[in-house]
Amino acid sequence: MTTAPSSDVSTGVIVDAPAPGVCRVRLDRPEAMNSLTSRTKDALVGHLHHIAEAPSVRAVIVTGSGRAFCVGQDLKEHLGLLHDDPKKLWATLEQHYNVLATCLATMPKPVIAAVNGVAAGAGASLCFAADFRLMADTSSFSLAFTGVGLSCDTGTSWTLPRLVGRARALELLMLPNTVRAPQALELGLATRVVGADELDNEALALATTLAAGPTVAFGAVKDALNFGAGHSLEESVVNEARLMRLTGASDDHQEAVSAFIAKTTPTFTGR
């Protein structure tokens, strides 16, 4: 049974366990389009760290409440800190945004972004750090960083070129426009586009399938791809060998081999 970490709705983050092995993290400030305050970011970092380390959690869904997935930094808080405490304002990059992107991209289990509405700025970047992006047909991405005179954050410089290539990444960042779900699918930003009323069920179905899979192998595949993106072929094959030995020693590999010999379907335990 999956045990979700306790959540306090006042932080703007709700965590639940909708199916065995699945943990769902929902940004829940719909009146503010799920924008991120310091308190919300603190809660999100804490929950994601807990989920990453929880062996009972084998797949993760991140989504939002209302008509937005997340529109990034809460601008009211941003403007207040920009005037009163700019040092504290920019410290959130190291304390929150860098941590969130790294945690999602390197979490040793599959992460699904269920994009229920507009995902802008850091909200879009959180989606790009996930392994799968299921988009409602009414949802969209907006990379509005340069529109407010800022560079990009939350791992966008690393994730976006890997999804769409450097030239298209530059275009999306320097000429920001709303990228609606069908275009996102064409660009490679979306894994799949589904009807808005089907999104929760489709995300849960995918998460349930992944949660029943070989979790150690899934984590190793993420490790291999992340490593290979920044290292030479020679270094990458050494890392592949390390990960093959790691997964080869897993219970799931032994189960798969036994099931193959017995001509049965393996039952993976994530170990």
C-alpha atoms as a PDB file:
ATOM      1  CA  MET A   1       0.000   0.000   0.000  1.00  0.00           C
ATOM      2  CA  THR A   2       1.225   3.489  -0.834  1.00  0.00           C
ATOM      3  CA  THR A   3       1.391   5.929   2.029  1.00  0.00           C
ATOM      4  CA  ALA A   4       1.198   9.536   0.897  1.00  0.00           C
ATOM      5  CA  PRO A   5       3.084  12.090   2.986  1.00  0.00           C
ATOM      6  CA  SER A   6       0.774  14.197   5.120  1.00  0.00           C
ATOM      7  CA  SER A   7      -0.258  17.427   3.445  1.00  0.00           C
ATOM      8  CA  ASP A   8      -1.597  20.738   4.718  1.00  0.00           C
ATOM      9  CA  VAL A   9      -4.053  22.321   2.289  1.00  0.00           C
ATOM     10  CA  SER A  10      -3.082  25.777   3.544  1.00  0.00           C
ATOM     11  CA  THR A  11       0.322  25.401   1.856  1.00  0.00           C
ATOM     12  CA  GLY A  12      -1.298  25.088  -1.569  1.00  0.00           C
ATOM     13  CA  VAL A  13      -0.071  21.524  -2.085  1.00  0.00           C
ATOM     14  CA  ILE A  14      -2.239  18.423  -1.681  1.00  0.00           C
ATOM     15  CA  VAL A  15      -0.748  14.933  -1.766  1.00  0.00           C
ATOM     16  CA  ASP A  16      -2.720  11.714  -2.022  1.00  0.00           C
ATOM     17  CA  ALA A  17      -2.329   8.078  -3.059  1.00  0.00           C
ATOM     18  CA  PRO A  18      -5.022   7.359  -5.688  1.00  0.00           C
ATOM     19  CA  ALA A  19      -3.806   3.833  -6.464  1.00  0.00           C
ATOM     20  CA  PRO A  20      -1.292   1.289  -5.135  1.00  0.00           C
ATOM     21  CA  GLY A  21       2.240   2.508  -5.764  1.00  0.00           C
ATOM     22  CA  VAL A  22       1.054   5.895  -7.091  1.00  0.00           C
ATOM     23  CA  CYS A  23       1.464   9.257  -5.379  1.00  0.00           C
ATOM     24  CA  ARG A  24      -0.260  12.371  -6.732  1.00  0.00           C
ATOM     25  CA  VAL A  25       0.930  15.891  -5.967  1.00  0.00           C
ATOM     26  CA  ARG A  26      -1.640  18.582  -6.717  1.00  0.00           C
ATOM     27  CA  LEU A  27      -0.889  22.294  -6.703  1.00  0.00           C
ATOM     28  CA  ASP A  28      -3.983  23.742  -5.069  1.00  0.00           C
ATOM     29  CA  ARG A  29      -4.159  27.520  -5.246  1.00  0.00           C
ATOM     30  CA  PRO A  30      -6.747  27.761  -8.034  1.00  0.00           C
ATOM     31  CA  GLU A  31      -7.709  31.321  -7.114  1.00  0.00           C
ATOM     32  CA  ALA A  32      -4.110  32.332  -7.934  1.00  0.00           C
ATOM     33  CA  MET A  33      -3.731  29.917 -10.878  1.00  0.00           C
ATOM     34  CA  ASN A  34      -1.497  27.756  -8.671  1.00  0.00           C
ATOM     35  CA  SER A  35       1.260  30.345  -8.610  1.00  0.00           C
ATOM     36  CA  LEU A  36       4.148  29.561  -6.295  1.00  0.00           C
ATOM     37  CA  THR A  37       4.619  31.390  -3.004  1.00  0.00           C
ATOM     38  CA  SER A  38       7.519  30.719  -0.656  1.00  0.00           C
ATOM     39  CA  ARG A  39       5.274  28.568   1.500  1.00  0.00           C
ATOM     40  CA  THR A  40       4.042  26.564  -1.470  1.00  0.00           C
ATOM     41  CA  LYS A  41       7.569  26.040  -2.743  1.00  0.00           C
ATOM     42  CA  ASP A  42       8.780  24.916   0.681  1.00  0.00           C
ATOM     43  CA  ALA A  43       5.948  22.381   0.848  1.00  0.00           C
ATOM     44  CA  LEU A  44       6.530  21.165  -2.714  1.00  0.00           C
ATOM     45  CA  VAL A  45      10.256  20.627  -2.124  1.00  0.00           C
ATOM     46  CA  GLY A  46       9.536  18.716   1.077  1.00  0.00           C
ATOM     47  CA  HIS A  47       6.908  16.491  -0.498  1.00  0.00           C
ATOM     48  CA  LEU A  48       8.979  15.654  -3.568  1.00  0.00           C
ATOM     49  CA  HIS A  49      12.016  14.737  -1.474  1.00  0.00           C
ATOM     50  CA  HIS A  50       9.842  12.484   0.673  1.00  0.00           C
ATOM     51  CA  ILE A  51       8.270  10.845  -2.393  1.00  0.00           C
ATOM     52  CA  ALA A  52      11.640  10.313  -4.090  1.00  0.00           C
ATOM     53  CA  GLU A  53      12.904   8.381  -1.071  1.00  0.00           C
ATOM     54  CA  ALA A  54       9.715   6.404  -0.351  1.00  0.00           C
ATOM     55  CA  PRO A  55      10.084   2.822  -1.621  1.00  0.00           C
ATOM     56  CA  SER A  56       6.304   2.329  -1.593  1.00  0.00           C
ATOM     57  CA  VAL A  57       5.908   5.068  -4.229  1.00  0.00           C
ATOM     58  CA  ARG A  58       6.680   3.712  -7.685  1.00  0.00           C
ATOM     59  CA  ALA A  59       5.116   6.391  -9.919  1.00  0.00           C
ATOM     60  CA  VAL A  60       4.288  10.060  -9.398  1.00  0.00           C
ATOM     61  CA  ILE A  61       1.675  12.399 -10.871  1.00  0.00           C
ATOM     62  CA  VAL A  62       2.048  16.174 -10.616  1.00  0.00           C
ATOM     63  CA  THR A  63      -0.987  18.256 -11.562  1.00  0.00           C
ATOM     64  CA  GLY A  64      -2.942  21.380 -10.660  1.00  0.00           C
ATOM     65  CA  SER A  65      -6.398  22.416  -9.475  1.00  0.00           C
ATOM     66  CA  GLY A  66      -8.732  24.613 -11.484  1.00  0.00           C
ATOM     67  CA  ARG A  67      -7.930  26.155 -14.844  1.00  0.00           C
ATOM     68  CA  ALA A  68      -4.147  26.256 -14.469  1.00  0.00           C
ATOM     69  CA  PHE A  69      -1.393  23.741 -13.913  1.00  0.00           C
ATOM     70  CA  CYS A  70       0.893  26.449 -12.530  1.00  0.00           C
ATOM     71  CA  VAL A  71       1.770  29.946 -13.735  1.00  0.00           C
ATOM     72  CA  GLY A  72       5.136  30.029 -11.977  1.00  0.00           C
ATOM     73  CA  GLN A  73       6.226  32.491  -9.318  1.00  0.00           C
ATOM     74  CA  ASP A  74       3.501  34.346  -7.429  1.00  0.00           C
ATOM     75  CA  LEU A  75       3.897  37.881  -8.790  1.00  0.00           C
ATOM     76  CA  LYS A  76       2.464  39.626  -5.732  1.00  0.00           C
ATOM     77  CA  GLU A  77       5.134  38.047  -3.578  1.00  0.00           C
ATOM     78  CA  HIS A  78       7.739  38.683  -6.278  1.00  0.00           C
ATOM     79  CA  LEU A  79       6.975  42.399  -6.467  1.00  0.00           C
ATOM     80  CA  GLY A  80       7.015  42.765  -2.684  1.00  0.00           C
ATOM     81  CA  LEU A  81      10.388  41.061  -2.314  1.00  0.00           C
ATOM     82  CA  LEU A  82      11.829  42.860  -5.337  1.00  0.00           C
ATOM     83  CA  HIS A  83      11.192  46.115  -3.495  1.00  0.00           C
ATOM     84  CA  ASP A  84      11.852  45.052   0.087  1.00  0.00           C
ATOM     85  CA  ASP A  85      14.313  42.160   0.044  1.00  0.00           C
ATOM     86  CA  PRO A  86      15.808  41.330  -3.387  1.00  0.00           C
ATOM     87  CA  LYS A  87      18.444  39.079  -1.803  1.00  0.00           C
ATOM     88  CA  LYS A  88      15.706  36.855  -0.393  1.00  0.00           C
ATOM     89  CA  LEU A  89      13.838  36.996  -3.686  1.00  0.00           C
ATOM     90  CA  TRP A  90      16.684  35.586  -5.753  1.00  0.00           C
ATOM     91  CA  ALA A  91      17.710  33.071  -3.075  1.00  0.00           C
ATOM     92  CA  THR A  92      14.612  31.109  -4.097  1.00  0.00           C
ATOM     93  CA  LEU A  93      16.472  29.966  -7.201  1.00  0.00           C
ATOM     94  CA  GLU A  94      18.898  27.844  -5.183  1.00  0.00           C
ATOM     95  CA  GLN A  95      16.464  27.050  -2.372  1.00  0.00           C
ATOM     96  CA  HIS A  96      13.489  26.040  -4.487  1.00  0.00           C
ATOM     97  CA  TYR A  97      13.543  26.153  -8.284  1.00  0.00           C
ATOM     98  CA  ASN A  98      16.898  24.431  -8.797  1.00  0.00           C
ATOM     99  CA  VAL A  99      15.947  21.783  -6.253  1.00  0.00           C
ATOM    100  CA  LEU A 100      12.521  21.137  -7.793  1.00  0.00           C
ATOM    101  CA  ALA A 101      13.879  20.693 -11.315  1.00  0.00           C
ATOM    102  CA  THR A 102      16.662  18.393 -10.159  1.00  0.00           C
ATOM    103  CA  CYS A 103      14.371  16.324  -7.965  1.00  0.00           C
ATOM    104  CA  LEU A 104      11.847  15.726 -10.738  1.00  0.00           C
ATOM    105  CA  ALA A 105      14.414  15.007 -13.445  1.00  0.00           C
ATOM    106  CA  THR A 106      16.517  12.638 -11.333  1.00  0.00           C
ATOM    107  CA  MET A 107      13.829  10.975  -9.199  1.00  0.00           C
ATOM    108  CA  PRO A 108      14.470   7.208  -9.467  1.00  0.00           C
ATOM    109  CA  LYS A 109      10.897   6.494 -10.529  1.00  0.00           C
ATOM    110  CA  PRO A 110       8.619   7.722 -13.331  1.00  0.00           C
ATOM    111  CA  VAL A 111       7.112  11.220 -13.025  1.00  0.00           C
ATOM    112  CA  ILE A 112       4.022  12.263 -14.997  1.00  0.00           C
ATOM    113  CA  ALA A 113       2.968  15.883 -15.421  1.00  0.00           C
ATOM    114  CA  ALA A 114      -0.807  15.930 -15.930  1.00  0.00           C
ATOM    115  CA  VAL A 115      -1.150  19.369 -17.505  1.00  0.00           C
ATOM    116  CA  ASN A 116      -4.715  20.437 -16.770  1.00  0.00           C
ATOM    117  CA  GLY A 117      -4.462  24.068 -17.894  1.00  0.00           C
ATOM    118  CA  VAL A 118      -1.968  26.817 -18.584  1.00  0.00           C
ATOM    119  CA  ALA A 119       1.595  26.057 -17.487  1.00  0.00           C
ATOM    120  CA  ALA A 120       3.664  29.242 -17.634  1.00  0.00           C
ATOM    121  CA  GLY A 121       7.195  30.187 -16.653  1.00  0.00           C
ATOM    122  CA  ALA A 122       8.457  27.905 -13.913  1.00  0.00           C
ATOM    123  CA  GLY A 123       5.171  25.999 -14.183  1.00  0.00           C
ATOM    124  CA  ALA A 124       6.060  24.965 -17.721  1.00  0.00           C
ATOM    125  CA  SER A 125       9.594  24.171 -16.598  1.00  0.00           C
ATOM    126  CA  LEU A 126       8.301  21.780 -13.942  1.00  0.00           C
ATOM    127  CA  CYS A 127       6.447  19.909 -16.695  1.00  0.00           C
ATOM    128  CA  PHE A 128       9.576  19.713 -18.845  1.00  0.00           C
ATOM    129  CA  ALA A 129      11.471  18.106 -15.947  1.00  0.00           C
ATOM    130  CA  ALA A 130       8.905  15.291 -15.779  1.00  0.00           C
ATOM    131  CA  ASP A 131       9.291  12.065 -17.760  1.00  0.00           C
ATOM    132  CA  PHE A 132       5.826  12.162 -19.323  1.00  0.00           C
ATOM    133  CA  ARG A 133       3.614  15.140 -20.117  1.00  0.00           C
ATOM    134  CA  LEU A 134      -0.067  14.332 -20.588  1.00  0.00           C
ATOM    135  CA  MET A 135      -1.835  17.481 -21.731  1.00  0.00           C
ATOM    136  CA  ALA A 136      -5.528  18.267 -21.663  1.00  0.00           C
ATOM    137  CA  ASP A 137      -6.630  19.464 -25.090  1.00  0.00           C
ATOM    138  CA  THR A 138      -7.466  22.821 -23.498  1.00  0.00           C
ATOM    139  CA  SER A 139      -4.062  23.273 -21.848  1.00  0.00           C
ATOM    140  CA  SER A 140      -1.017  25.214 -22.992  1.00  0.00           C
ATOM    141  CA  PHE A 141       2.592  26.138 -22.272  1.00  0.00           C
ATOM    142  CA  SER A 142       3.922  29.691 -22.060  1.00  0.00           C
ATOM    143  CA  LEU A 143       7.613  30.461 -21.672  1.00  0.00           C
ATOM    144  CA  ALA A 144       7.220  34.076 -20.687  1.00  0.00           C
ATOM    145  CA  PHE A 145      10.569  34.591 -18.953  1.00  0.00           C
ATOM    146  CA  THR A 146      12.013  37.106 -21.419  1.00  0.00           C
ATOM    147  CA  GLY A 147       8.620  38.805 -21.642  1.00  0.00           C
ATOM    148  CA  VAL A 148       9.270  40.125 -18.133  1.00  0.00           C
ATOM    149  CA  GLY A 149      12.959  40.771 -18.754  1.00  0.00           C
ATOM    150  CA  LEU A 150      14.305  37.609 -17.137  1.00  0.00           C
ATOM    151  CA  SER A 151      16.351  34.616 -18.215  1.00  0.00           C
ATOM    152  CA  CYS A 152      14.998  31.087 -17.732  1.00  0.00           C
ATOM    153  CA  ASP A 153      15.103  28.939 -14.607  1.00  0.00           C
ATOM    154  CA  THR A 154      13.836  25.679 -13.087  1.00  0.00           C
ATOM    155  CA  GLY A 155      16.080  23.639 -15.367  1.00  0.00           C
ATOM    156  CA  THR A 156      14.683  24.994 -18.639  1.00  0.00           C
ATOM    157  CA  SER A 157      18.148  25.509 -20.150  1.00  0.00           C
ATOM    158  CA  TRP A 158      18.770  21.780 -19.678  1.00  0.00           C
ATOM    159  CA  THR A 159      15.366  20.225 -20.362  1.00  0.00           C
ATOM    160  CA  LEU A 160      13.961  22.318 -23.209  1.00  0.00           C
ATOM    161  CA  PRO A 161      16.791  21.835 -25.762  1.00  0.00           C
ATOM    162  CA  ARG A 162      16.665  18.110 -25.045  1.00  0.00           C
ATOM    163  CA  LEU A 163      12.972  18.036 -25.866  1.00  0.00           C
ATOM    164  CA  VAL A 164      12.858  20.270 -28.952  1.00  0.00           C
ATOM    165  CA  GLY A 165      16.455  21.072 -29.939  1.00  0.00           C
ATOM    166  CA  ARG A 166      18.482  24.240 -29.347  1.00  0.00           C
ATOM    167  CA  ALA A 167      17.109  26.276 -32.249  1.00  0.00           C
ATOM    168  CA  ARG A 168      13.470  25.719 -31.300  1.00  0.00           C
ATOM    169  CA  ALA A 169      14.281  26.263 -27.621  1.00  0.00           C
ATOM    170  CA  LEU A 170      15.771  29.663 -28.471  1.00  0.00           C
ATOM    171  CA  GLU A 171      12.679  30.531 -30.487  1.00  0.00           C
ATOM    172  CA  LEU A 172      10.314  29.552 -27.690  1.00  0.00           C
ATOM    173  CA  LEU A 173      12.277  31.546 -25.135  1.00  0.00           C
ATOM    174  CA  MET A 174      13.107  34.648 -27.180  1.00  0.00           C
ATOM    175  CA  LEU A 175       9.779  34.911 -29.003  1.00  0.00           C
ATOM    176  CA  PRO A 176       7.413  33.685 -26.302  1.00  0.00           C
ATOM    177  CA  ASN A 177       3.956  32.721 -27.447  1.00  0.00           C
ATOM    178  CA  THR A 178       1.278  30.441 -26.107  1.00  0.00           C
ATOM    179  CA  VAL A 179       1.956  26.867 -27.214  1.00  0.00           C
ATOM    180  CA  ARG A 180      -1.371  25.089 -27.214  1.00  0.00           C
ATOM    181  CA  ALA A 181      -1.655  21.352 -26.680  1.00  0.00           C
ATOM    182  CA  PRO A 182      -1.794  20.251 -30.370  1.00  0.00           C
ATOM    183  CA  GLN A 183       1.314  22.298 -31.198  1.00  0.00           C
ATOM    184  CA  ALA A 184       3.057  21.028 -28.066  1.00  0.00           C
ATOM    185  CA  LEU A 185       2.466  17.492 -29.297  1.00  0.00           C
ATOM    186  CA  GLU A 186       3.931  18.344 -32.709  1.00  0.00           C
ATOM    187  CA  LEU A 187       6.992  19.941 -31.094  1.00  0.00           C
ATOM    188  CA  GLY A 188       7.639  17.013 -28.774  1.00  0.00           C
ATOM    189  CA  LEU A 189       6.740  18.905 -25.608  1.00  0.00           C
ATOM    190  CA  ALA A 190       3.716  16.671 -24.957  1.00  0.00           C
ATOM    191  CA  THR A 191       3.729  12.904 -24.687  1.00  0.00           C
ATOM    192  CA  ARG A 192       0.012  12.697 -25.388  1.00  0.00           C
ATOM    193  CA  VAL A 193      -2.992  15.032 -25.656  1.00  0.00           C
ATOM    194  CA  VAL A 194      -6.312  13.869 -24.196  1.00  0.00           C
ATOM    195  CA  GLY A 195      -9.721  15.375 -23.583  1.00  0.00           C
ATOM    196  CA  ALA A 196      -9.828  17.648 -20.553  1.00  0.00           C
ATOM    197  CA  ASP A 197     -12.413  15.448 -18.853  1.00  0.00           C
ATOM    198  CA  GLU A 198     -10.227  12.387 -19.443  1.00  0.00           C
ATOM    199  CA  LEU A 199      -6.947  13.786 -18.120  1.00  0.00           C
ATOM    200  CA  ASP A 200      -7.111  12.579 -14.518  1.00  0.00           C
ATOM    201  CA  ASN A 201      -8.138   9.060 -15.523  1.00  0.00           C
ATOM    202  CA  GLU A 202      -5.549   8.845 -18.295  1.00  0.00           C
ATOM    203  CA  ALA A 203      -2.785  10.066 -15.995  1.00  0.00           C
ATOM    204  CA  LEU A 204      -3.810   7.590 -13.318  1.00  0.00           C
ATOM    205  CA  ALA A 205      -3.953   4.740 -15.832  1.00  0.00           C
ATOM    206  CA  LEU A 206      -0.434   5.519 -17.052  1.00  0.00           C
ATOM    207  CA  ALA A 207       0.860   5.904 -13.493  1.00  0.00           C
ATOM    208  CA  THR A 208      -0.732   2.597 -12.467  1.00  0.00           C
ATOM    209  CA  THR A 209       0.917   0.830 -15.404  1.00  0.00           C
ATOM    210  CA  LEU A 210       4.302   2.316 -14.546  1.00  0.00           C
ATOM    211  CA  ALA A 211       3.882   1.570 -10.833  1.00  0.00           C
ATOM    212  CA  ALA A 212       3.481  -2.111 -11.701  1.00  0.00           C
ATOM    213  CA  GLY A 213       6.735  -2.088 -13.663  1.00  0.00           C
ATOM    214  CA  PRO A 214      10.415  -2.640 -12.764  1.00  0.00           C
ATOM    215  CA  THR A 215      11.030   0.526 -10.765  1.00  0.00           C
ATOM    216  CA  VAL A 216      14.770  -0.016 -10.340  1.00  0.00           C
ATOM    217  CA  ALA A 217      15.143  -0.403 -14.109  1.00  0.00           C
ATOM    218  CA  PHE A 218      13.057   2.721 -14.749  1.00  0.00           C
ATOM    219  CA  GLY A 219      15.275   4.719 -12.394  1.00  0.00           C
ATOM    220  CA  ALA A 220      18.378   3.325 -14.064  1.00  0.00           C
ATOM    221  CA  VAL A 221      17.121   4.316 -17.519  1.00  0.00           C
ATOM    222  CA  LYS A 222      16.600   7.899 -16.301  1.00  0.00           C
ATOM    223  CA  ASP A 223      20.105   7.864 -14.806  1.00  0.00           C
ATOM    224  CA  ALA A 224      21.606   6.562 -18.047  1.00  0.00           C
ATOM    225  CA  LEU A 225      19.900   9.137 -20.258  1.00  0.00           C
ATOM    226  CA  ASN A 226      20.687  12.030 -17.927  1.00  0.00           C
ATOM    227  CA  PHE A 227      24.323  10.960 -17.700  1.00  0.00           C
ATOM    228  CA  GLY A 228      24.672  10.341 -21.418  1.00  0.00           C
ATOM    229  CA  ALA A 229      23.357  13.812 -22.245  1.00  0.00           C
ATOM    230  CA  GLY A 230      26.441  15.401 -20.736  1.00  0.00           C
ATOM    231  CA  HIS A 231      29.202  12.834 -21.155  1.00  0.00           C
ATOM    232  CA  SER A 232      31.185  11.152 -23.910  1.00  0.00           C
ATOM    233  CA  LEU A 233      30.300   7.806 -25.413  1.00  0.00           C
ATOM    234  CA  GLU A 234      33.220   6.218 -23.586  1.00  0.00           C
ATOM    235  CA  GLU A 235      32.013   7.543 -20.237  1.00  0.00           C
ATOM    236  CA  SER A 236      28.401   6.682 -21.008  1.00  0.00           C
ATOM    237  CA  VAL A 237      29.043   3.010 -21.756  1.00  0.00           C
ATOM    238  CA  VAL A 238      30.956   2.699 -18.482  1.00  0.00           C
ATOM    239  CA  ASN A 239      27.919   4.116 -16.691  1.00  0.00           C
ATOM    240  CA  GLU A 240      25.651   1.756 -18.641  1.00  0.00           C
ATOM    241  CA  ALA A 241      27.705  -1.197 -17.427  1.00  0.00           C
ATOM    242  CA  ARG A 242      27.355   0.009 -13.838  1.00  0.00           C
ATOM    243  CA  LEU A 243      23.601   0.324 -14.201  1.00  0.00           C
ATOM    244  CA  MET A 244      23.256  -3.067 -15.900  1.00  0.00           C
ATOM    245  CA  ARG A 245      24.989  -4.669 -12.939  1.00  0.00           C
ATOM    246  CA  LEU A 246      22.738  -2.750 -10.568  1.00  0.00           C
ATOM    247  CA  THR A 247      19.534  -3.787 -12.304  1.00  0.00           C
ATOM    248  CA  GLY A 248      20.858  -7.293 -12.924  1.00  0.00           C
ATOM    249  CA  ALA A 249      21.093  -7.777  -9.168  1.00  0.00           C
ATOM    250  CA  SER A 250      17.508  -6.633  -8.603  1.00  0.00           C
ATOM    251  CA  ASP A 251      14.655  -8.890  -7.549  1.00  0.00           C
ATOM    252  CA  ASP A 252      12.700  -7.684 -10.571  1.00  0.00           C
ATOM    253  CA  HIS A 253      15.321  -8.994 -12.994  1.00  0.00           C
ATOM    254  CA  GLN A 254      15.318 -12.382 -11.293  1.00  0.00           C
ATOM    255  CA  GLU A 255      11.522 -12.408 -11.439  1.00  0.00           C
ATOM    256  CA  ALA A 256      11.517 -11.502 -15.143  1.00  0.00           C
ATOM    257  CA  VAL A 257      13.994 -14.258 -16.017  1.00  0.00           C
ATOM    258  CA  SER A 258      12.053 -16.853 -14.014  1.00  0.00           C
ATOM    259  CA  ALA A 259       8.794 -15.747 -15.628  1.00  0.00           C
ATOM    260  CA  PHE A 260      10.344 -15.955 -19.082  1.00  0.00           C
ATOM    261  CA  ILE A 261      11.490 -19.517 -18.484  1.00  0.00           C
ATOM    262  CA  ALA A 262       8.117 -20.480 -17.026  1.00  0.00           C
ATOM    263  CA  LYS A 263       6.298 -18.629 -19.819  1.00  0.00           C
ATOM    264  CA  THR A 264       4.323 -16.562 -17.331  1.00  0.00           C
ATOM    265  CA  THR A 265       3.865 -12.824 -16.799  1.00  0.00           C
ATOM    266  CA  PRO A 266       6.351 -11.360 -14.304  1.00  0.00           C
ATOM    267  CA  THR A 267       5.100  -9.646 -11.180  1.00  0.00           C
ATOM    268  CA  PHE A 268       7.446  -6.789 -10.405  1.00  0.00           C
ATOM    269  CA  THR A 269       7.863  -5.519  -6.852  1.00  0.00           C
ATOM    270  CA  GLY A 270      10.042  -2.498  -7.563  1.00  0.00           C
ATOM    271  CA  ARG A 271      13.061  -4.002  -5.827  1.00  0.00           C
END
